[in-house]
Amino acid sequence: VTYLFDKYNILLLNSIPEWAYAILLMYLVWWLMMKYKLDWIVDVGTKTKISSALMEYAIVASIISLPLQAVFTFVVPIVVMVTGGLILTVTLAYFLSRKFFADHWFERGVTILGTNTGVFLTGLLLLTMVDPDMKSPVLRDYSLSYSINSVISFILFPLSFFLLINHGFMSGLSLYAVVLIIFIVLLLLTHRKNKQEGVIS
């Protein structure tokens, strides 16, 4: 799919990572299996072991592909930014996850922390540390949410770039401020609804 999008230069779609398409394909296959009552042939234990093995390969590949020379060249500003960003990200990931997630808040928080301090595979790496047997539903939820986030991000990036170039810094900043407000409102509404239904104590 991504080969065709790249070949015909289909904007936005050719920038979405393969992970997102793989997740969508996975849900399509599972829906078909459920529809035709074939879900009984899936062994949860075997599926978890296969997913864990493939995830380990992906994590190792991401680590060995790091551009070490570029890191050493800009080591001082990187250390300053990483230190400040890490303190803020850890604080937000801990308190927000504990407040808004009804189940497995620690696993979800650690996964979010990994993603926000690295990439998708960093979150997976931390998740395998705290949940090596994948007994929680965090991997499934995380994969789906990352796919949605990828689509939203690759729509926002070109739009914000257009605003920055043609209308200045404040217009681009205003776009992200509006998006942030929308997500905060949705988060609070979802939290309130779950609390009313007794999902969150």
C-alpha atoms as a PDB file:
ATOM      1  CA  VAL A   1       0.000   0.000   0.000  1.00  0.00           C
ATOM      2  CA  THR A   2       2.719   2.480   0.965  1.00  0.00           C
ATOM      3  CA  TYR A   3       4.611   1.599  -2.234  1.00  0.00           C
ATOM      4  CA  LEU A   4       1.602   2.652  -4.334  1.00  0.00           C
ATOM      5  CA  PHE A   5       1.141   5.848  -2.321  1.00  0.00           C
ATOM      6  CA  ASP A   6       4.818   6.728  -2.819  1.00  0.00           C
ATOM      7  CA  LYS A   7       4.765   5.802  -6.507  1.00  0.00           C
ATOM      8  CA  TYR A   8       1.791   8.028  -7.316  1.00  0.00           C
ATOM      9  CA  ASN A   9       2.812  10.680  -4.750  1.00  0.00           C
ATOM     10  CA  ILE A  10      -0.503  10.725  -2.894  1.00  0.00           C
ATOM     11  CA  LEU A  11      -0.104  13.482  -0.323  1.00  0.00           C
ATOM     12  CA  LEU A  12      -0.586  12.684   3.391  1.00  0.00           C
ATOM     13  CA  LEU A  13      -1.248   9.006   2.698  1.00  0.00           C
ATOM     14  CA  ASN A  14       2.351   8.433   1.600  1.00  0.00           C
ATOM     15  CA  SER A  15       3.611   9.917   4.887  1.00  0.00           C
ATOM     16  CA  ILE A  16       1.645   7.701   7.275  1.00  0.00           C
ATOM     17  CA  PRO A  17       3.889   4.990   8.813  1.00  0.00           C
ATOM     18  CA  GLU A  18       3.445   1.339   7.865  1.00  0.00           C
ATOM     19  CA  TRP A  19       2.421   0.665  11.462  1.00  0.00           C
ATOM     20  CA  ALA A  20      -0.847   2.509  10.960  1.00  0.00           C
ATOM     21  CA  TYR A  21      -1.784   0.519   7.845  1.00  0.00           C
ATOM     22  CA  ALA A  22      -0.780  -2.732   9.541  1.00  0.00           C
ATOM     23  CA  ILE A  23      -3.048  -1.970  12.493  1.00  0.00           C
ATOM     24  CA  LEU A  24      -5.976  -1.116  10.208  1.00  0.00           C
ATOM     25  CA  LEU A  25      -5.418  -4.327   8.245  1.00  0.00           C
ATOM     26  CA  MET A  26      -5.273  -6.280  11.487  1.00  0.00           C
ATOM     27  CA  TYR A  27      -8.635  -4.931  12.634  1.00  0.00           C
ATOM     28  CA  LEU A  28     -10.149  -5.665   9.209  1.00  0.00           C
ATOM     29  CA  VAL A  29      -8.958  -9.276   9.336  1.00  0.00           C
ATOM     30  CA  TRP A  30     -10.191  -9.697  12.896  1.00  0.00           C
ATOM     31  CA  TRP A  31     -13.594  -8.223  11.975  1.00  0.00           C
ATOM     32  CA  LEU A  32     -13.914 -10.700   9.096  1.00  0.00           C
ATOM     33  CA  MET A  33     -12.936 -13.570  11.377  1.00  0.00           C
ATOM     34  CA  MET A  34     -15.529 -12.500  13.943  1.00  0.00           C
ATOM     35  CA  LYS A  35     -18.179 -12.093  11.261  1.00  0.00           C
ATOM     36  CA  TYR A  36     -17.631 -15.591   9.854  1.00  0.00           C
ATOM     37  CA  LYS A  37     -17.152 -17.107  13.346  1.00  0.00           C
ATOM     38  CA  LEU A  38     -13.517 -18.038  12.768  1.00  0.00           C
ATOM     39  CA  ASP A  39     -12.152 -16.336  15.887  1.00  0.00           C
ATOM     40  CA  TRP A  40     -12.037 -19.694  17.694  1.00  0.00           C
ATOM     41  CA  ILE A  41      -8.943 -20.703  15.709  1.00  0.00           C
ATOM     42  CA  VAL A  42      -6.872 -17.876  17.251  1.00  0.00           C
ATOM     43  CA  ASP A  43      -4.873 -18.945  20.276  1.00  0.00           C
ATOM     44  CA  VAL A  44      -4.310 -15.923  22.522  1.00  0.00           C
ATOM     45  CA  GLY A  45      -1.099 -17.275  24.040  1.00  0.00           C
ATOM     46  CA  THR A  46       0.492 -18.031  20.675  1.00  0.00           C
ATOM     47  CA  LYS A  47      -0.609 -14.668  19.284  1.00  0.00           C
ATOM     48  CA  THR A  48       0.969 -12.864  22.238  1.00  0.00           C
ATOM     49  CA  LYS A  49       4.268 -14.716  21.845  1.00  0.00           C
ATOM     50  CA  ILE A  50       4.435 -13.935  18.116  1.00  0.00           C
ATOM     51  CA  SER A  51       3.620 -10.258  18.728  1.00  0.00           C
ATOM     52  CA  SER A  52       6.259 -10.038  21.462  1.00  0.00           C
ATOM     53  CA  ALA A  53       8.936 -11.628  19.249  1.00  0.00           C
ATOM     54  CA  LEU A  54       8.228  -9.321  16.307  1.00  0.00           C
ATOM     55  CA  MET A  55       8.165  -6.342  18.637  1.00  0.00           C
ATOM     56  CA  GLU A  56      11.629  -7.234  19.973  1.00  0.00           C
ATOM     57  CA  TYR A  57      13.023  -7.286  16.415  1.00  0.00           C
ATOM     58  CA  ALA A  58      11.501  -3.874  15.736  1.00  0.00           C
ATOM     59  CA  ILE A  59      12.956  -2.423  18.941  1.00  0.00           C
ATOM     60  CA  VAL A  60      16.473  -3.732  18.190  1.00  0.00           C
ATOM     61  CA  ALA A  61      16.283  -2.367  14.622  1.00  0.00           C
ATOM     62  CA  SER A  62      15.299   1.087  15.902  1.00  0.00           C
ATOM     63  CA  ILE A  63      18.158   1.153  18.422  1.00  0.00           C
ATOM     64  CA  ILE A  64      20.906   0.180  15.950  1.00  0.00           C
ATOM     65  CA  SER A  65      19.680   2.764  13.425  1.00  0.00           C
ATOM     66  CA  LEU A  66      20.357   5.723  15.746  1.00  0.00           C
ATOM     67  CA  PRO A  67      22.608   8.404  14.125  1.00  0.00           C
ATOM     68  CA  LEU A  68      25.307   8.408  16.837  1.00  0.00           C
ATOM     69  CA  GLN A  69      27.569  10.928  15.088  1.00  0.00           C
ATOM     70  CA  ALA A  70      24.801  13.528  14.983  1.00  0.00           C
ATOM     71  CA  VAL A  71      24.037  12.895  18.655  1.00  0.00           C
ATOM     72  CA  PHE A  72      27.685  13.463  19.693  1.00  0.00           C
ATOM     73  CA  THR A  73      27.921  16.620  17.570  1.00  0.00           C
ATOM     74  CA  PHE A  74      25.029  18.349  19.373  1.00  0.00           C
ATOM     75  CA  VAL A  75      25.421  16.654  22.740  1.00  0.00           C
ATOM     76  CA  VAL A  76      25.265  19.808  24.925  1.00  0.00           C
ATOM     77  CA  PRO A  77      21.972  21.323  23.605  1.00  0.00           C
ATOM     78  CA  ILE A  78      20.501  17.821  23.448  1.00  0.00           C
ATOM     79  CA  VAL A  79      21.303  17.221  27.134  1.00  0.00           C
ATOM     80  CA  VAL A  80      19.732  20.556  28.151  1.00  0.00           C
ATOM     81  CA  MET A  81      16.543  19.966  26.152  1.00  0.00           C
ATOM     82  CA  VAL A  82      16.285  16.330  27.173  1.00  0.00           C
ATOM     83  CA  THR A  83      16.654  17.129  30.888  1.00  0.00           C
ATOM     84  CA  GLY A  84      13.954  19.805  30.909  1.00  0.00           C
ATOM     85  CA  GLY A  85      11.643  17.870  28.609  1.00  0.00           C
ATOM     86  CA  LEU A  86      12.096  14.662  30.580  1.00  0.00           C
ATOM     87  CA  ILE A  87      11.158  16.263  33.895  1.00  0.00           C
ATOM     88  CA  LEU A  88       8.020  17.822  32.404  1.00  0.00           C
ATOM     89  CA  THR A  89       7.028  14.681  30.467  1.00  0.00           C
ATOM     90  CA  VAL A  90       7.518  12.306  33.420  1.00  0.00           C
ATOM     91  CA  THR A  91       5.460  14.576  35.676  1.00  0.00           C
ATOM     92  CA  LEU A  92       2.585  14.887  33.189  1.00  0.00           C
ATOM     93  CA  ALA A  93       2.618  11.190  32.217  1.00  0.00           C
ATOM     94  CA  TYR A  94       2.465  10.101  35.857  1.00  0.00           C
ATOM     95  CA  PHE A  95      -0.248  12.419  37.149  1.00  0.00           C
ATOM     96  CA  LEU A  96      -2.461  12.449  34.053  1.00  0.00           C
ATOM     97  CA  SER A  97      -2.314   8.660  33.595  1.00  0.00           C
ATOM     98  CA  ARG A  98      -3.139   8.075  37.236  1.00  0.00           C
ATOM     99  CA  LYS A  99      -6.069  10.467  37.059  1.00  0.00           C
ATOM    100  CA  PHE A 100      -7.650   9.598  33.709  1.00  0.00           C
ATOM    101  CA  PHE A 101      -7.012   5.865  33.185  1.00  0.00           C
ATOM    102  CA  ALA A 102      -9.327   3.509  35.028  1.00  0.00           C
ATOM    103  CA  ASP A 103      -7.280   0.341  34.476  1.00  0.00           C
ATOM    104  CA  HIS A 104      -3.582  -0.439  33.999  1.00  0.00           C
ATOM    105  CA  TRP A 105      -2.723   3.214  34.495  1.00  0.00           C
ATOM    106  CA  PHE A 106       0.948   2.500  35.193  1.00  0.00           C
ATOM    107  CA  GLU A 107       1.475   0.433  32.013  1.00  0.00           C
ATOM    108  CA  ARG A 108      -0.352   3.040  29.944  1.00  0.00           C
ATOM    109  CA  GLY A 109       1.586   5.877  31.562  1.00  0.00           C
ATOM    110  CA  VAL A 110       4.945   4.196  30.954  1.00  0.00           C
ATOM    111  CA  THR A 111       4.040   3.566  27.309  1.00  0.00           C
ATOM    112  CA  ILE A 112       2.979   7.182  26.816  1.00  0.00           C
ATOM    113  CA  LEU A 113       6.171   8.317  28.518  1.00  0.00           C
ATOM    114  CA  GLY A 114       8.246   6.227  26.112  1.00  0.00           C
ATOM    115  CA  THR A 115       6.481   7.626  23.072  1.00  0.00           C
ATOM    116  CA  ASN A 116       6.779  11.226  24.223  1.00  0.00           C
ATOM    117  CA  THR A 117      10.475  10.847  25.006  1.00  0.00           C
ATOM    118  CA  GLY A 118      11.227   8.920  21.815  1.00  0.00           C
ATOM    119  CA  VAL A 119       9.111   7.219  19.182  1.00  0.00           C
ATOM    120  CA  PHE A 120       6.437   4.524  18.934  1.00  0.00           C
ATOM    121  CA  LEU A 121       8.985   1.747  19.452  1.00  0.00           C
ATOM    122  CA  THR A 122      10.357   3.441  22.577  1.00  0.00           C
ATOM    123  CA  GLY A 123       6.904   3.141  24.092  1.00  0.00           C
ATOM    124  CA  LEU A 124       6.793  -0.518  23.106  1.00  0.00           C
ATOM    125  CA  LEU A 125      10.196  -1.100  24.684  1.00  0.00           C
ATOM    126  CA  LEU A 126       9.056   0.309  28.032  1.00  0.00           C
ATOM    127  CA  LEU A 127       5.797  -1.611  27.794  1.00  0.00           C
ATOM    128  CA  THR A 128       7.665  -4.902  27.378  1.00  0.00           C
ATOM    129  CA  MET A 129       9.638  -4.070  30.523  1.00  0.00           C
ATOM    130  CA  VAL A 130       6.598  -3.543  32.744  1.00  0.00           C
ATOM    131  CA  ASP A 131       4.320  -6.057  30.995  1.00  0.00           C
ATOM    132  CA  PRO A 132       6.584  -8.686  29.359  1.00  0.00           C
ATOM    133  CA  ASP A 133       3.803 -11.276  28.963  1.00  0.00           C
ATOM    134  CA  MET A 134       1.377  -8.702  27.484  1.00  0.00           C
ATOM    135  CA  LYS A 135      -1.387  -9.660  29.897  1.00  0.00           C
ATOM    136  CA  SER A 136      -2.899  -6.174  29.788  1.00  0.00           C
ATOM    137  CA  PRO A 137      -4.797  -4.675  26.813  1.00  0.00           C
ATOM    138  CA  VAL A 138      -2.344  -1.777  26.629  1.00  0.00           C
ATOM    139  CA  LEU A 139      -0.559  -2.947  23.460  1.00  0.00           C
ATOM    140  CA  ARG A 140      -3.845  -3.169  21.546  1.00  0.00           C
ATOM    141  CA  ASP A 141      -5.090   0.208  22.772  1.00  0.00           C
ATOM    142  CA  TYR A 142      -1.714   1.842  22.258  1.00  0.00           C
ATOM    143  CA  SER A 143      -1.405   0.595  18.681  1.00  0.00           C
ATOM    144  CA  LEU A 144      -4.867   1.871  17.800  1.00  0.00           C
ATOM    145  CA  SER A 145      -4.328   5.251  19.438  1.00  0.00           C
ATOM    146  CA  TYR A 146      -0.963   5.671  17.734  1.00  0.00           C
ATOM    147  CA  SER A 147      -2.528   4.958  14.359  1.00  0.00           C
ATOM    148  CA  ILE A 148      -5.154   7.639  14.953  1.00  0.00           C
ATOM    149  CA  ASN A 149      -2.469  10.021  16.217  1.00  0.00           C
ATOM    150  CA  SER A 150      -0.373   9.395  13.084  1.00  0.00           C
ATOM    151  CA  VAL A 151      -3.260  10.327  10.805  1.00  0.00           C
ATOM    152  CA  ILE A 152      -4.003  13.501  12.786  1.00  0.00           C
ATOM    153  CA  SER A 153      -0.326  14.470  12.916  1.00  0.00           C
ATOM    154  CA  PHE A 154       0.250  14.103   9.193  1.00  0.00           C
ATOM    155  CA  ILE A 155      -2.740  16.333   8.558  1.00  0.00           C
ATOM    156  CA  LEU A 156      -1.621  18.962  11.056  1.00  0.00           C
ATOM    157  CA  PHE A 157       2.054  19.130  10.048  1.00  0.00           C
ATOM    158  CA  PRO A 158       1.534  20.324   6.440  1.00  0.00           C
ATOM    159  CA  LEU A 159      -1.234  22.665   7.565  1.00  0.00           C
ATOM    160  CA  SER A 160       0.873  24.204  10.326  1.00  0.00           C
ATOM    161  CA  PHE A 161       3.836  24.520   7.963  1.00  0.00           C
ATOM    162  CA  PHE A 162       1.629  26.351   5.453  1.00  0.00           C
ATOM    163  CA  LEU A 163       0.410  28.740   8.158  1.00  0.00           C
ATOM    164  CA  LEU A 164       3.927  29.386   9.460  1.00  0.00           C
ATOM    165  CA  ILE A 165       5.299  30.190   6.013  1.00  0.00           C
ATOM    166  CA  ASN A 166       2.414  32.317   4.778  1.00  0.00           C
ATOM    167  CA  HIS A 167       0.945  33.866   7.928  1.00  0.00           C
ATOM    168  CA  GLY A 168       3.711  33.864  10.539  1.00  0.00           C
ATOM    169  CA  PHE A 169       4.583  32.111  13.785  1.00  0.00           C
ATOM    170  CA  MET A 170       1.468  33.106  15.736  1.00  0.00           C
ATOM    171  CA  SER A 171      -0.902  31.574  13.196  1.00  0.00           C
ATOM    172  CA  GLY A 172       0.859  28.210  13.419  1.00  0.00           C
ATOM    173  CA  LEU A 173       0.915  28.425  17.196  1.00  0.00           C
ATOM    174  CA  SER A 174      -2.786  29.300  17.242  1.00  0.00           C
ATOM    175  CA  LEU A 175      -3.585  26.158  15.244  1.00  0.00           C
ATOM    176  CA  TYR A 176      -1.919  23.926  17.831  1.00  0.00           C
ATOM    177  CA  ALA A 177      -3.521  25.891  20.668  1.00  0.00           C
ATOM    178  CA  VAL A 178      -6.962  25.244  19.185  1.00  0.00           C
ATOM    179  CA  VAL A 179      -6.177  21.544  18.706  1.00  0.00           C
ATOM    180  CA  LEU A 180      -4.908  21.316  22.299  1.00  0.00           C
ATOM    181  CA  ILE A 181      -8.078  22.909  23.652  1.00  0.00           C
ATOM    182  CA  ILE A 182     -10.248  20.534  21.627  1.00  0.00           C
ATOM    183  CA  PHE A 183      -8.410  17.473  22.966  1.00  0.00           C
ATOM    184  CA  ILE A 184      -8.523  18.749  26.551  1.00  0.00           C
ATOM    185  CA  VAL A 185     -12.282  19.269  26.277  1.00  0.00           C
ATOM    186  CA  LEU A 186     -12.754  15.776  24.802  1.00  0.00           C
ATOM    187  CA  LEU A 187     -10.596  14.287  27.562  1.00  0.00           C
ATOM    188  CA  LEU A 188     -12.568  16.004  30.310  1.00  0.00           C
ATOM    189  CA  LEU A 189     -15.912  15.017  28.762  1.00  0.00           C
ATOM    190  CA  THR A 190     -14.815  11.379  28.444  1.00  0.00           C
ATOM    191  CA  HIS A 191     -13.504  11.375  32.011  1.00  0.00           C
ATOM    192  CA  ARG A 192     -16.755  12.856  33.309  1.00  0.00           C
ATOM    193  CA  LYS A 193     -18.836  10.301  31.402  1.00  0.00           C
ATOM    194  CA  ASN A 194     -16.748   7.383  32.702  1.00  0.00           C
ATOM    195  CA  LYS A 195     -17.004   8.724  36.225  1.00  0.00           C
ATOM    196  CA  GLN A 196     -20.795   8.971  35.970  1.00  0.00           C
ATOM    197  CA  GLU A 197     -20.970   5.397  34.681  1.00  0.00           C
ATOM    198  CA  GLY A 198     -18.823   4.201  37.554  1.00  0.00           C
ATOM    199  CA  VAL A 199     -15.844   3.214  35.411  1.00  0.00           C
ATOM    200  CA  ILE A 200     -13.534   5.511  37.378  1.00  0.00           C
ATOM    201  CA  SER A 201     -13.706   5.517  41.138  1.00  0.00           C
END
